[in-house]
Structures are given as structure tokens and as C-alpha cells.
Amino acid sequence: MSRFLILFLVFFASVSFAEIYDIDNDKLAAMMENQVPLVDIRTKKEWRETGIIPKSHLVTFFDTQGNFSTEEWLPKLAAIAGKNDPVIIICRSGNRSYIVAKFLAQDADYKNVYHVENGIISWIKSGNKTVRP
């Protein structure tokens, strides 16, 4: 069983969840205008396929097999946003970013975690700009 699936099951088996904030494209754009960092957790291949939202921080969480290392990833995130700072998490469709947002809020003690509900797919379908990574 992949680590991605195990993490997914652990999160959804938990009785209580710390709150995260789901946001849409309009809220994402407004928050980025206010300098809230956007962390794109997709893979390099995904960034090349669709482009990225300008000023995104590119920090892959899951590899192509669904594996991850919070010990390697969290210091990279800490260089972008502290535990009390707002941070936005995005992936392709919103599934992986939701899992990572829950992890940050529940297990990593991040207090202001925002999750882009439908990911970069929705951003692009809405006619918003992407750039090459």
C-alpha cells in the first residue's frame, strides 16, 4: 500500500479535524495579492505540463509513487511560511492538497492553512494565467 494511501486513510479515519479553509480561484487571487504564499505541491512533470501560477513556491510533497517525507518537506515549507503565517496549498485537482493541508493543520501545528478546492485545473479552466516553471 502506498504511503499516499496510508496517509489518506489515517486522515479520514480520524474523529476530529483541525480546521482548514477551502478557497476558490477568486479568494486565491485576492490572497496572493496580499502576499500570502502559494505552495504548489505537484511534481516537476505536472508543473511542466500545465505551467504554474505566477509567484508560486514549488515544493513537491508526493513523488510519482505517492511516497513522501515530511522530514524533508517541512523545513522547505518553514522557509516559506511559519506555523502562525497564512499559507495556501494547491495541487492538480484539490485531492492531494487537501491531504497536505489537513496534515499541516492537524499534525504540524500550522494555524492558517488554506486549500485551493479544485486545484490548478480549475484555475486554468477559469482562464487564469500560468507561466512556465
Protein backbone atom coordinates (compact mmCIF):
# COMPACT_ATOMS: atom_id res chain seq x y z
CA MET A 1 0.00 0.00 0.00
CA SER A 2 1.48 3.39 -0.94
CA ARG A 3 2.34 5.92 1.72
CA PHE A 4 -0.09 8.33 0.00
CA LEU A 5 -2.97 5.93 0.54
CA ILE A 6 -1.94 5.23 4.12
CA LEU A 7 -1.79 8.97 4.89
CA PHE A 8 -5.18 9.43 3.22
CA LEU A 9 -6.77 6.66 5.29
CA VAL A 10 -5.22 7.90 8.54
CA PHE A 11 -6.57 11.41 7.97
CA PHE A 12 -10.07 10.26 7.12
CA ALA A 13 -10.21 7.73 9.94
CA SER A 14 -9.51 10.45 12.48
CA VAL A 15 -12.53 11.57 14.50
CA SER A 16 -11.63 15.24 14.87
CA PHE A 17 -10.10 17.54 12.29
CA ALA A 18 -8.36 20.83 12.79
CA GLU A 19 -9.95 23.46 10.63
CA ILE A 20 -8.54 24.35 7.24
CA TYR A 21 -10.01 26.91 4.91
CA ASP A 22 -11.19 25.91 1.45
CA ILE A 23 -10.82 28.70 -1.09
CA ASP A 24 -11.83 29.24 -4.70
CA ASN A 25 -9.92 30.97 -7.51
CA ASP A 26 -11.15 34.46 -6.63
CA LYS A 27 -10.09 34.10 -2.99
CA LEU A 28 -6.76 32.62 -4.12
CA ALA A 29 -6.06 35.62 -6.37
CA ALA A 30 -7.00 38.06 -3.60
CA MET A 31 -4.82 36.32 -1.03
CA MET A 32 -1.85 36.23 -3.40
CA GLU A 33 -2.31 39.97 -4.00
CA ASN A 34 -1.87 40.31 -0.22
CA GLN A 35 1.41 38.35 -0.40
CA VAL A 36 0.09 35.10 1.13
CA PRO A 37 2.42 32.38 -0.19
CA LEU A 38 1.05 29.72 -2.53
CA VAL A 39 2.78 26.34 -2.30
CA ASP A 40 2.34 24.10 -5.33
CA ILE A 41 2.91 20.52 -4.15
CA ARG A 42 2.72 18.84 -7.57
CA THR A 43 5.60 17.09 -9.31
CA LYS A 44 8.04 18.73 -11.74
CA LYS A 45 6.36 16.87 -14.60
CA GLU A 46 2.97 18.32 -13.63
CA TRP A 47 4.41 21.83 -13.41
CA ARG A 48 5.81 21.47 -16.94
CA GLU A 49 2.53 20.08 -18.31
CA THR A 50 0.24 22.88 -17.11
CA GLY A 51 2.52 25.68 -16.08
CA ILE A 52 2.34 27.21 -12.63
CA ILE A 53 0.58 30.17 -11.09
CA PRO A 54 2.97 33.15 -11.08
CA LYS A 55 4.91 33.56 -7.80
CA SER A 56 4.08 30.01 -6.64
CA HIS A 57 6.55 28.22 -4.41
CA LEU A 58 7.30 24.83 -5.98
CA VAL A 59 7.73 22.22 -3.26
CA THR A 60 6.72 18.69 -4.30
CA PHE A 61 5.14 16.68 -1.48
CA PHE A 62 4.24 13.29 -3.04
CA ASP A 63 6.50 11.63 -5.58
CA THR A 64 5.07 9.79 -8.60
CA GLN A 65 4.55 6.64 -6.50
CA GLY A 66 2.73 8.51 -3.73
CA ASN A 67 5.68 8.45 -1.33
CA PHE A 68 6.62 11.45 0.79
CA SER A 69 8.97 12.56 3.53
CA THR A 70 7.61 15.09 5.98
CA GLU A 71 11.11 15.34 7.49
CA GLU A 72 12.43 16.65 4.16
CA TRP A 73 9.35 18.67 3.17
CA LEU A 74 8.54 20.59 6.36
CA PRO A 75 11.86 22.52 6.51
CA LYS A 76 11.27 23.65 2.93
CA LEU A 77 7.81 24.89 3.89
CA ALA A 78 9.16 26.57 7.04
CA ALA A 79 11.45 28.68 4.82
CA ILE A 80 8.28 29.95 3.06
CA ALA A 81 5.77 30.27 5.90
CA GLY A 82 5.94 29.94 9.66
CA LYS A 83 3.40 28.00 11.68
CA ASN A 84 1.41 31.14 12.50
CA ASP A 85 1.59 32.60 8.99
CA PRO A 86 -1.10 32.01 6.38
CA VAL A 87 -0.16 29.56 3.65
CA ILE A 88 -2.08 28.31 0.61
CA ILE A 89 -1.65 24.74 -0.70
CA ILE A 90 -2.50 23.73 -4.28
CA CYS A 91 -2.21 20.59 -6.42
CA ARG A 92 -3.72 19.43 -9.71
CA SER A 93 -7.34 18.80 -8.68
CA GLY A 94 -7.51 19.51 -4.95
CA ASN A 95 -7.19 15.96 -3.62
CA ARG A 96 -3.51 15.88 -2.62
CA SER A 97 -3.53 19.47 -1.43
CA TYR A 98 -6.46 18.68 0.87
CA ILE A 99 -4.49 15.84 2.45
CA VAL A 100 -1.42 18.03 2.89
CA ALA A 101 -3.50 20.90 4.30
CA LYS A 102 -5.05 18.52 6.86
CA PHE A 103 -1.62 17.24 7.78
CA LEU A 104 -0.34 20.78 8.32
CA ALA A 105 -3.31 21.80 10.44
CA GLN A 106 -3.56 18.60 12.49
CA ASP A 107 -0.05 17.28 12.84
CA ALA A 108 2.36 20.09 12.01
CA ASP A 109 0.59 22.79 14.08
CA TYR A 110 0.11 25.26 11.22
CA LYS A 111 -2.66 27.67 12.22
CA ASN A 112 -3.71 29.38 8.95
CA VAL A 113 -3.85 26.75 6.21
CA TYR A 114 -5.79 27.42 3.02
CA HIS A 115 -6.61 24.76 0.45
CA VAL A 116 -7.47 25.54 -3.19
CA GLU A 117 -10.60 23.43 -3.65
CA ASN A 118 -10.27 22.34 -7.27
CA GLY A 119 -6.59 22.88 -7.87
CA ILE A 120 -4.76 24.21 -10.89
CA ILE A 121 -7.27 22.53 -13.21
CA SER A 122 -9.97 24.94 -12.04
CA TRP A 123 -7.55 27.88 -12.19
CA ILE A 124 -6.79 27.15 -15.85
CA LYS A 125 -10.41 26.41 -16.81
CA SER A 126 -11.38 29.79 -15.37
CA GLY A 127 -8.99 31.46 -17.82
CA ASN A 128 -6.38 32.43 -15.26
CA LYS A 129 -2.72 32.81 -16.19
CA THR A 130 0.01 30.23 -15.73
CA VAL A 131 3.70 30.54 -16.57
CA ARG A 132 6.46 28.08 -17.29
CA PRO A 133 8.19 26.85 -14.13
